[in-house]
Amino acid sequence: ILFLKLGEGADLTPSLIEQLNQAIRTQLSPRHVPAAILACPDIPYTLNGKRIEVAVKRLLSGLGEPTNLGAVANPECFAFFRQLQLPF
Protein backbone atom coordinates (compact mmCIF):
# COMPACT_ATOMS: atom_id res chain seq x y z
CA ILE A 1 0.00 0.00 0.00
CA LEU A 2 1.25 3.45 -0.88
CA PHE A 3 -0.09 6.20 1.38
CA LEU A 4 0.01 9.75 0.04
CA LYS A 5 -0.38 12.94 1.97
CA LEU A 6 -1.82 15.23 -0.67
CA GLY A 7 -1.27 18.95 -0.87
CA GLU A 8 -3.96 21.50 -0.09
CA GLY A 9 -6.86 21.15 -2.54
CA ALA A 10 -5.40 18.10 -4.30
CA ASP A 11 -7.49 15.00 -4.96
CA LEU A 12 -6.45 11.41 -5.49
CA THR A 13 -8.19 10.76 -8.79
CA PRO A 14 -8.15 7.53 -10.82
CA SER A 15 -6.08 9.39 -13.40
CA LEU A 16 -3.45 10.34 -10.80
CA ILE A 17 -3.35 6.77 -9.49
CA GLU A 18 -2.76 5.47 -13.02
CA GLN A 19 0.00 8.04 -13.60
CA LEU A 20 1.71 7.03 -10.36
CA ASN A 21 1.44 3.32 -11.17
CA GLN A 22 2.83 3.91 -14.66
CA ALA A 23 5.74 6.00 -13.35
CA ILE A 24 6.61 3.37 -10.74
CA ARG A 25 6.35 0.60 -13.34
CA THR A 26 8.63 2.32 -15.86
CA GLN A 27 11.11 4.07 -13.56
CA LEU A 28 11.49 1.25 -11.02
CA SER A 29 9.92 -2.06 -11.95
CA PRO A 30 6.50 -3.73 -12.17
CA ARG A 31 7.33 -5.44 -8.87
CA HIS A 32 7.23 -2.09 -7.07
CA VAL A 33 3.73 -1.07 -8.20
CA PRO A 34 1.62 -0.94 -5.02
CA ALA A 35 -1.53 -3.02 -4.62
CA ALA A 36 -3.36 0.14 -3.54
CA ILE A 37 -2.70 3.88 -3.39
CA LEU A 38 -4.61 5.67 -0.66
CA ALA A 39 -4.72 9.28 0.48
CA CYS A 40 -4.15 9.91 4.18
CA PRO A 41 -4.34 13.11 6.22
CA ASP A 42 -0.85 12.75 7.68
CA ILE A 43 2.15 10.42 7.78
CA PRO A 44 3.49 9.54 11.26
CA TYR A 45 7.01 10.78 11.97
CA THR A 46 9.38 10.46 14.90
CA LEU A 47 10.63 13.55 16.70
CA ASN A 48 13.81 13.14 14.59
CA GLY A 49 11.83 13.36 11.34
CA LYS A 50 11.91 9.68 10.31
CA ARG A 51 8.78 8.05 8.86
CA ILE A 52 7.20 5.46 11.13
CA GLU A 53 6.38 2.58 8.81
CA VAL A 54 6.53 -0.49 11.05
CA ALA A 55 3.94 0.82 13.53
CA VAL A 56 1.51 1.53 10.67
CA LYS A 57 2.12 -1.93 9.21
CA ARG A 58 1.45 -3.51 12.61
CA LEU A 59 -1.77 -1.53 13.01
CA LEU A 60 -3.02 -2.52 9.56
CA SER A 61 -2.09 -6.16 10.14
CA GLY A 62 -3.90 -6.25 13.48
CA LEU A 63 -0.69 -6.97 15.38
CA GLY A 64 -1.10 -4.21 17.95
CA GLU A 65 -0.97 -0.57 18.80
CA PRO A 66 2.13 1.59 18.37
CA THR A 67 4.37 1.73 21.40
CA ASN A 68 6.40 4.66 22.67
CA LEU A 69 4.05 7.38 21.45
CA GLY A 70 6.29 9.86 23.28
CA ALA A 71 8.76 9.53 20.39
CA VAL A 72 6.11 10.35 17.76
CA ALA A 73 5.83 13.94 16.56
CA ASN A 74 2.20 13.53 15.45
CA PRO A 75 0.59 10.57 17.31
CA GLU A 76 -2.93 11.76 16.43
CA CYS A 77 -2.43 10.59 12.84
CA PHE A 78 -2.60 6.94 13.97
CA ALA A 79 -6.38 7.39 14.37
CA PHE A 80 -6.76 7.37 10.58
CA PHE A 81 -4.86 4.08 10.24
CA ARG A 82 -6.84 2.48 13.12
CA GLN A 83 -10.18 3.02 11.40
CA LEU A 84 -8.97 2.24 7.86
CA GLN A 85 -10.81 -0.49 5.99
CA LEU A 86 -8.43 -1.93 3.41
CA PRO A 87 -9.79 -2.47 -0.11
CA PHE A 88 -8.56 -6.09 -0.21
C-alpha atoms as a PDB file:
ATOM      1  CA  ILE A   1       0.000   0.000   0.000  1.00  0.00           C
ATOM      2  CA  LEU A   2       1.250   3.447  -0.876  1.00  0.00           C
ATOM      3  CA  PHE A   3      -0.085   6.201   1.380  1.00  0.00           C
ATOM      4  CA  LEU A   4       0.015   9.746   0.041  1.00  0.00           C
ATOM      5  CA  LYS A   5      -0.385  12.945   1.974  1.00  0.00           C
ATOM      6  CA  LEU A   6      -1.815  15.229  -0.669  1.00  0.00           C
ATOM      7  CA  GLY A   7      -1.274  18.951  -0.872  1.00  0.00           C
ATOM      8  CA  GLU A   8      -3.964  21.495  -0.094  1.00  0.00           C
ATOM      9  CA  GLY A   9      -6.856  21.152  -2.540  1.00  0.00           C
ATOM     10  CA  ALA A  10      -5.399  18.097  -4.302  1.00  0.00           C
ATOM     11  CA  ASP A  11      -7.493  15.001  -4.955  1.00  0.00           C
ATOM     12  CA  LEU A  12      -6.447  11.411  -5.490  1.00  0.00           C
ATOM     13  CA  THR A  13      -8.191  10.757  -8.789  1.00  0.00           C
ATOM     14  CA  PRO A  14      -8.153   7.527 -10.815  1.00  0.00           C
ATOM     15  CA  SER A  15      -6.080   9.391 -13.403  1.00  0.00           C
ATOM     16  CA  LEU A  16      -3.450  10.341 -10.805  1.00  0.00           C
ATOM     17  CA  ILE A  17      -3.349   6.766  -9.490  1.00  0.00           C
ATOM     18  CA  GLU A  18      -2.756   5.472 -13.015  1.00  0.00           C
ATOM     19  CA  GLN A  19       0.001   8.044 -13.600  1.00  0.00           C
ATOM     20  CA  LEU A  20       1.708   7.029 -10.356  1.00  0.00           C
ATOM     21  CA  ASN A  21       1.438   3.320 -11.166  1.00  0.00           C
ATOM     22  CA  GLN A  22       2.834   3.907 -14.657  1.00  0.00           C
ATOM     23  CA  ALA A  23       5.739   6.005 -13.345  1.00  0.00           C
ATOM     24  CA  ILE A  24       6.611   3.368 -10.742  1.00  0.00           C
ATOM     25  CA  ARG A  25       6.347   0.597 -13.336  1.00  0.00           C
ATOM     26  CA  THR A  26       8.631   2.318 -15.856  1.00  0.00           C
ATOM     27  CA  GLN A  27      11.108   4.069 -13.562  1.00  0.00           C
ATOM     28  CA  LEU A  28      11.490   1.252 -11.019  1.00  0.00           C
ATOM     29  CA  SER A  29       9.915  -2.065 -11.951  1.00  0.00           C
ATOM     30  CA  PRO A  30       6.503  -3.725 -12.173  1.00  0.00           C
ATOM     31  CA  ARG A  31       7.325  -5.437  -8.866  1.00  0.00           C
ATOM     32  CA  HIS A  32       7.235  -2.090  -7.068  1.00  0.00           C
ATOM     33  CA  VAL A  33       3.731  -1.075  -8.200  1.00  0.00           C
ATOM     34  CA  PRO A  34       1.619  -0.944  -5.017  1.00  0.00           C
ATOM     35  CA  ALA A  35      -1.535  -3.016  -4.621  1.00  0.00           C
ATOM     36  CA  ALA A  36      -3.358   0.145  -3.540  1.00  0.00           C
ATOM     37  CA  ILE A  37      -2.695   3.875  -3.388  1.00  0.00           C
ATOM     38  CA  LEU A  38      -4.615   5.673  -0.659  1.00  0.00           C
ATOM     39  CA  ALA A  39      -4.723   9.284   0.479  1.00  0.00           C
ATOM     40  CA  CYS A  40      -4.151   9.914   4.176  1.00  0.00           C
ATOM     41  CA  PRO A  41      -4.336  13.114   6.216  1.00  0.00           C
ATOM     42  CA  ASP A  42      -0.851  12.751   7.685  1.00  0.00           C
ATOM     43  CA  ILE A  43       2.154  10.424   7.784  1.00  0.00           C
ATOM     44  CA  PRO A  44       3.489   9.540  11.256  1.00  0.00           C
ATOM     45  CA  TYR A  45       7.012  10.777  11.974  1.00  0.00           C
ATOM     46  CA  THR A  46       9.382  10.465  14.902  1.00  0.00           C
ATOM     47  CA  LEU A  47      10.635  13.547  16.695  1.00  0.00           C
ATOM     48  CA  ASN A  48      13.808  13.140  14.592  1.00  0.00           C
ATOM     49  CA  GLY A  49      11.826  13.361  11.335  1.00  0.00           C
ATOM     50  CA  LYS A  50      11.906   9.684  10.305  1.00  0.00           C
ATOM     51  CA  ARG A  51       8.782   8.053   8.864  1.00  0.00           C
ATOM     52  CA  ILE A  52       7.202   5.455  11.132  1.00  0.00           C
ATOM     53  CA  GLU A  53       6.378   2.579   8.811  1.00  0.00           C
ATOM     54  CA  VAL A  54       6.530  -0.492  11.055  1.00  0.00           C
ATOM     55  CA  ALA A  55       3.937   0.822  13.531  1.00  0.00           C
ATOM     56  CA  VAL A  56       1.509   1.534  10.667  1.00  0.00           C
ATOM     57  CA  LYS A  57       2.123  -1.926   9.210  1.00  0.00           C
ATOM     58  CA  ARG A  58       1.445  -3.515  12.608  1.00  0.00           C
ATOM     59  CA  LEU A  59      -1.775  -1.527  13.011  1.00  0.00           C
ATOM     60  CA  LEU A  60      -3.024  -2.517   9.564  1.00  0.00           C
ATOM     61  CA  SER A  61      -2.090  -6.163  10.138  1.00  0.00           C
ATOM     62  CA  GLY A  62      -3.898  -6.252  13.479  1.00  0.00           C
ATOM     63  CA  LEU A  63      -0.692  -6.971  15.384  1.00  0.00           C
ATOM     64  CA  GLY A  64      -1.099  -4.206  17.948  1.00  0.00           C
ATOM     65  CA  GLU A  65      -0.967  -0.573  18.802  1.00  0.00           C
ATOM     66  CA  PRO A  66       2.133   1.591  18.368  1.00  0.00           C
ATOM     67  CA  THR A  67       4.370   1.729  21.403  1.00  0.00           C
ATOM     68  CA  ASN A  68       6.403   4.660  22.672  1.00  0.00           C
ATOM     69  CA  LEU A  69       4.051   7.376  21.446  1.00  0.00           C
ATOM     70  CA  GLY A  70       6.287   9.862  23.275  1.00  0.00           C
ATOM     71  CA  ALA A  71       8.764   9.534  20.390  1.00  0.00           C
ATOM     72  CA  VAL A  72       6.107  10.351  17.765  1.00  0.00           C
ATOM     73  CA  ALA A  73       5.831  13.938  16.560  1.00  0.00           C
ATOM     74  CA  ASN A  74       2.202  13.527  15.452  1.00  0.00           C
ATOM     75  CA  PRO A  75       0.594  10.572  17.310  1.00  0.00           C
ATOM     76  CA  GLU A  76      -2.926  11.759  16.427  1.00  0.00           C
ATOM     77  CA  CYS A  77      -2.427  10.586  12.841  1.00  0.00           C
ATOM     78  CA  PHE A  78      -2.599   6.938  13.975  1.00  0.00           C
ATOM     79  CA  ALA A  79      -6.381   7.390  14.374  1.00  0.00           C
ATOM     80  CA  PHE A  80      -6.755   7.366  10.579  1.00  0.00           C
ATOM     81  CA  PHE A  81      -4.863   4.079  10.244  1.00  0.00           C
ATOM     82  CA  ARG A  82      -6.835   2.480  13.121  1.00  0.00           C
ATOM     83  CA  GLN A  83     -10.178   3.017  11.400  1.00  0.00           C
ATOM     84  CA  LEU A  84      -8.968   2.243   7.864  1.00  0.00           C
ATOM     85  CA  GLN A  85     -10.811  -0.493   5.989  1.00  0.00           C
ATOM     86  CA  LEU A  86      -8.433  -1.930   3.405  1.00  0.00           C
ATOM     87  CA  PRO A  87      -9.794  -2.472  -0.105  1.00  0.00           C
ATOM     88  CA  PHE A  88      -8.563  -6.087  -0.207  1.00  0.00           C
END
